[in-house]
Amino acid sequence: MDCPRCNLSLSGAEYEGEQVHFCGTCWGYWLTRHQLDRIAAGITYRFGDREAQTIEASLDLHGDANRQGTESEAVSCPVCGMEMNRNRYATKCPVAIDECDQHGIWLDTGEIKDLQVFLERSLE
């Protein structure tokens, strides 16, 4: 399977106990909604205050850090090739994700950390 941003092969990787696909070039992640929900529910690594504040400060008014300058461009599902929908992970969550309803979720550079920091802070 190829990265929907770089078009290079994705590698298997482990993230918070979940087997996901990872792009070593753009640092994006491909995973299922179920996997992302399990990661969100069972965060084992807590961010320090300084790192969390840096991540929070990087988000724009729409919740996107746009670290690579491409996150606003439509992305296609690496499985079926259809354009994915860009939606908020959950109500009141500032982090937007690219999702194919049938195959999975693409998280651009840093979005998985953005999401985890938001969830950690909302539980405090």
Protein backbone atom coordinates (compact mmCIF):
# COMPACT_ATOMS: atom_id res chain seq x y z
CA MET A 1 0.00 0.00 0.00
CA ASP A 2 1.30 3.46 -0.88
CA CYS A 3 1.22 6.69 1.13
CA PRO A 4 -1.62 8.94 -0.04
CA ARG A 5 0.68 11.99 0.29
CA CYS A 6 4.09 10.76 -0.95
CA ASN A 7 3.05 7.78 -3.08
CA LEU A 8 5.85 5.76 -1.46
CA SER A 9 5.32 2.38 0.22
CA LEU A 10 3.91 2.41 3.73
CA SER A 11 5.66 0.28 6.34
CA GLY A 12 4.14 -1.76 9.12
CA ALA A 13 4.60 -0.14 12.51
CA GLU A 14 3.38 -0.40 16.09
CA TYR A 15 1.78 2.62 17.75
CA GLU A 16 0.39 2.45 21.30
CA GLY A 17 0.02 -1.33 20.92
CA GLU A 18 -1.75 -1.17 17.54
CA GLN A 19 -0.31 -2.50 14.28
CA VAL A 20 -0.63 0.39 11.81
CA HIS A 21 0.94 1.54 8.54
CA PHE A 22 3.45 4.36 8.64
CA CYS A 23 5.14 6.58 6.05
CA GLY A 24 8.76 7.18 6.96
CA THR A 25 8.95 10.09 4.52
CA CYS A 26 6.03 12.30 5.63
CA TRP A 27 5.41 10.64 9.02
CA GLY A 28 1.76 9.94 8.32
CA TYR A 29 -0.24 6.99 9.68
CA TRP A 30 -2.85 4.74 8.05
CA LEU A 31 -5.11 2.84 10.45
CA THR A 32 -8.72 1.85 11.00
CA ARG A 33 -11.31 3.83 12.97
CA HIS A 34 -11.38 0.99 15.51
CA GLN A 35 -7.61 1.19 16.00
CA LEU A 36 -7.71 4.96 16.41
CA ASP A 37 -10.55 4.69 18.92
CA ARG A 38 -8.53 2.14 20.94
CA ILE A 39 -5.46 4.40 20.84
CA ALA A 40 -7.59 7.36 21.97
CA ALA A 41 -9.19 5.35 24.79
CA GLY A 42 -6.01 3.79 26.08
CA ILE A 43 -3.28 6.38 25.87
CA THR A 44 -0.28 4.88 27.66
CA TYR A 45 2.19 7.67 27.00
CA ARG A 46 1.43 11.05 28.60
CA PHE A 47 2.89 14.20 27.09
CA GLY A 48 4.82 16.56 29.32
CA ASP A 49 3.41 20.05 29.85
CA ARG A 50 6.01 21.70 27.63
CA GLU A 51 5.46 19.30 24.71
CA ALA A 52 1.66 19.47 25.09
CA GLN A 53 1.73 23.28 25.14
CA THR A 54 3.93 23.34 22.02
CA ILE A 55 1.53 21.01 20.21
CA GLU A 56 -1.53 23.02 21.30
CA ALA A 57 0.13 26.27 20.17
CA SER A 58 0.82 24.79 16.72
CA LEU A 59 -2.87 24.23 15.97
CA ASP A 60 -4.62 26.92 13.95
CA LEU A 61 -8.20 28.09 14.46
CA HIS A 62 -9.43 25.06 12.53
CA GLY A 63 -7.38 22.59 14.59
CA ASP A 64 -4.83 21.83 11.91
CA ALA A 65 -1.13 22.42 12.31
CA ASN A 66 -0.57 22.13 8.53
CA ARG A 67 3.04 21.20 9.22
CA GLN A 68 3.77 20.09 5.66
CA GLY A 69 1.59 22.60 3.83
CA THR A 70 -0.40 19.82 2.13
CA GLU A 71 -2.95 18.86 4.77
CA SER A 72 -5.61 21.12 3.26
CA GLU A 73 -5.39 19.26 -0.07
CA ALA A 74 -7.74 16.32 -0.65
CA VAL A 75 -6.22 12.92 -0.09
CA SER A 76 -7.25 9.62 -1.70
CA CYS A 77 -7.76 6.34 0.11
CA PRO A 78 -4.69 4.12 -0.44
CA VAL A 79 -6.99 1.08 -0.73
CA CYS A 80 -9.78 2.16 -3.11
CA GLY A 81 -8.41 5.45 -4.52
CA MET A 82 -11.56 7.44 -3.66
CA GLU A 83 -11.21 10.92 -2.18
CA MET A 84 -11.49 10.74 1.61
CA ASN A 85 -13.67 12.98 3.77
CA ARG A 86 -11.93 15.44 6.10
CA ASN A 87 -13.85 15.62 9.37
CA ARG A 88 -13.25 16.25 13.05
CA TYR A 89 -12.31 13.14 15.01
CA ALA A 90 -15.15 13.85 17.46
CA THR A 91 -17.51 16.66 18.43
CA LYS A 92 -15.59 19.63 19.87
CA CYS A 93 -12.28 18.02 18.87
CA PRO A 94 -10.17 20.48 16.89
CA VAL A 95 -8.24 17.74 15.06
CA ALA A 96 -9.48 16.94 11.57
CA ILE A 97 -8.71 13.55 10.02
CA ASP A 98 -9.01 12.12 6.52
CA GLU A 99 -11.34 9.12 6.50
CA CYS A 100 -12.54 6.58 3.97
CA ASP A 101 -15.79 5.21 5.39
CA GLN A 102 -14.97 1.76 4.06
CA HIS A 103 -11.23 1.37 4.59
CA GLY A 104 -9.59 3.58 7.18
CA ILE A 105 -8.11 6.83 8.37
CA TRP A 106 -5.12 8.83 7.24
CA LEU A 107 -3.39 10.98 9.85
CA ASP A 108 -0.95 13.53 8.46
CA THR A 109 2.28 14.50 10.16
CA GLY A 110 1.69 15.08 13.87
CA GLU A 111 -2.09 14.65 13.81
CA ILE A 112 -1.93 11.57 16.00
CA LYS A 113 -0.06 13.59 18.65
CA ASP A 114 -2.42 16.54 18.20
CA LEU A 115 -5.34 14.21 18.86
CA GLN A 116 -3.70 12.60 21.88
CA VAL A 117 -2.85 15.96 23.45
CA PHE A 118 -6.41 17.20 22.92
CA LEU A 119 -7.83 14.05 24.53
CA GLU A 120 -5.40 14.20 27.46
CA ARG A 121 -6.22 17.87 28.13
CA SER A 122 -9.96 17.27 27.87
CA LEU A 123 -9.75 14.57 30.53
CA GLU A 124 -7.98 16.81 33.04
